[in-house]
Amino acid sequence: MQVSIKKWGNSQGIILPKEIMELMNAKIGDALDAVIDNGKLTLQPAKKQFTHKTLEERMDETGLQLSFGHEIEWGESRGSELW
């Protein structure tokens, strides 16, 4: 399938037809890795960067705090539940 390079403001862009997007399993807003090899441009979905953080690190980033200084009231037991 042939596409063309168009002027887009001060840049250039290629519009990807719906068929190409579907074949790539891509959607608007997805990040793509562009690789040039021997003058050929290859676009592929970007590898997602996962970071593993502890709960404490995530809490520090968001400013949230967990407080279990008091007993939580879960309500009366029902059915065959025993508290």
Protein backbone atom coordinates (compact mmCIF):
# COMPACT_ATOMS: atom_id res chain seq x y z
CA MET A 1 0.00 0.00 0.00
CA GLN A 2 1.42 3.37 -0.95
CA VAL A 3 1.28 6.45 1.27
CA SER A 4 2.72 9.91 0.71
CA ILE A 5 4.58 12.41 2.86
CA LYS A 6 2.57 15.58 3.50
CA LYS A 7 3.50 18.95 4.99
CA TRP A 8 2.03 19.31 8.45
CA GLY A 9 2.73 22.77 9.89
CA ASN A 10 6.52 23.06 10.15
CA SER A 11 6.89 19.27 9.98
CA GLN A 12 6.13 16.42 7.64
CA GLY A 13 3.79 13.53 8.27
CA ILE A 14 2.47 10.31 6.85
CA ILE A 15 -1.21 9.50 7.26
CA LEU A 16 -1.71 5.82 7.94
CA PRO A 17 -4.87 4.42 6.34
CA LYS A 18 -7.33 2.53 8.52
CA GLU A 19 -6.32 -0.77 6.91
CA ILE A 20 -2.68 -0.33 7.97
CA MET A 21 -3.72 0.65 11.49
CA GLU A 22 -5.84 -2.49 11.74
CA LEU A 23 -3.05 -4.72 10.40
CA MET A 24 -0.65 -3.21 12.96
CA ASN A 25 -3.28 -3.60 15.68
CA ALA A 26 -2.64 0.08 16.46
CA LYS A 27 -4.96 2.87 17.52
CA ILE A 28 -4.77 6.66 17.71
CA GLY A 29 -2.42 7.72 20.51
CA ASP A 30 -0.30 4.55 20.47
CA ALA A 31 3.47 5.04 20.59
CA LEU A 32 5.48 3.61 17.71
CA ASP A 33 9.17 2.83 17.37
CA ALA A 34 10.62 4.06 14.06
CA VAL A 35 13.62 2.08 12.81
CA ILE A 36 15.62 2.95 9.69
CA ASP A 37 17.66 0.11 8.19
CA ASN A 38 19.32 0.36 4.76
CA GLY A 39 17.10 3.31 3.86
CA LYS A 40 13.89 1.52 4.83
CA LEU A 41 11.56 2.87 7.50
CA THR A 42 9.89 0.34 9.77
CA LEU A 43 7.18 1.32 12.25
CA GLN A 44 6.28 -1.05 15.03
CA PRO A 45 4.38 -0.73 18.30
CA ALA A 46 6.66 0.65 21.00
CA LYS A 47 7.60 -1.74 23.76
CA LYS A 48 5.89 -0.72 26.95
CA GLN A 49 8.22 0.21 29.76
CA PHE A 50 7.02 -1.35 32.99
CA THR A 51 8.44 -0.21 36.26
CA HIS A 52 8.04 -2.25 39.39
CA LYS A 53 7.68 -0.10 42.45
CA THR A 54 6.86 -0.94 46.01
CA LEU A 55 3.61 0.22 47.55
CA GLU A 56 5.62 2.62 49.69
CA GLU A 57 7.26 4.19 46.60
CA ARG A 58 3.90 4.61 44.89
CA MET A 59 2.36 6.13 48.02
CA ASP A 60 5.25 8.62 48.25
CA GLU A 61 4.76 9.63 44.59
CA THR A 62 1.05 10.31 45.04
CA GLY A 63 1.19 11.77 48.53
CA LEU A 64 -1.37 9.23 49.78
CA GLN A 65 -1.18 7.67 53.21
CA LEU A 66 -2.55 4.45 54.63
CA SER A 67 -3.69 4.56 58.20
CA PHE A 68 -4.83 1.49 60.09
CA GLY A 69 -4.62 3.05 63.54
CA HIS A 70 -8.20 2.08 64.28
CA GLU A 71 -10.29 -1.02 63.87
CA ILE A 72 -12.41 -1.14 60.73
CA GLU A 73 -16.12 -1.78 61.27
CA TRP A 74 -17.21 -4.36 58.72
CA GLY A 75 -20.80 -4.61 59.97
CA GLU A 76 -22.70 -7.47 61.54
CA SER A 77 -22.01 -11.02 60.44
CA ARG A 78 -24.51 -12.52 58.04
CA GLY A 79 -25.53 -16.08 57.39
CA SER A 80 -22.88 -18.50 58.66
CA GLU A 81 -20.12 -15.86 58.95
CA LEU A 82 -18.26 -15.71 62.24
CA TRP A 83 -16.46 -12.56 63.39
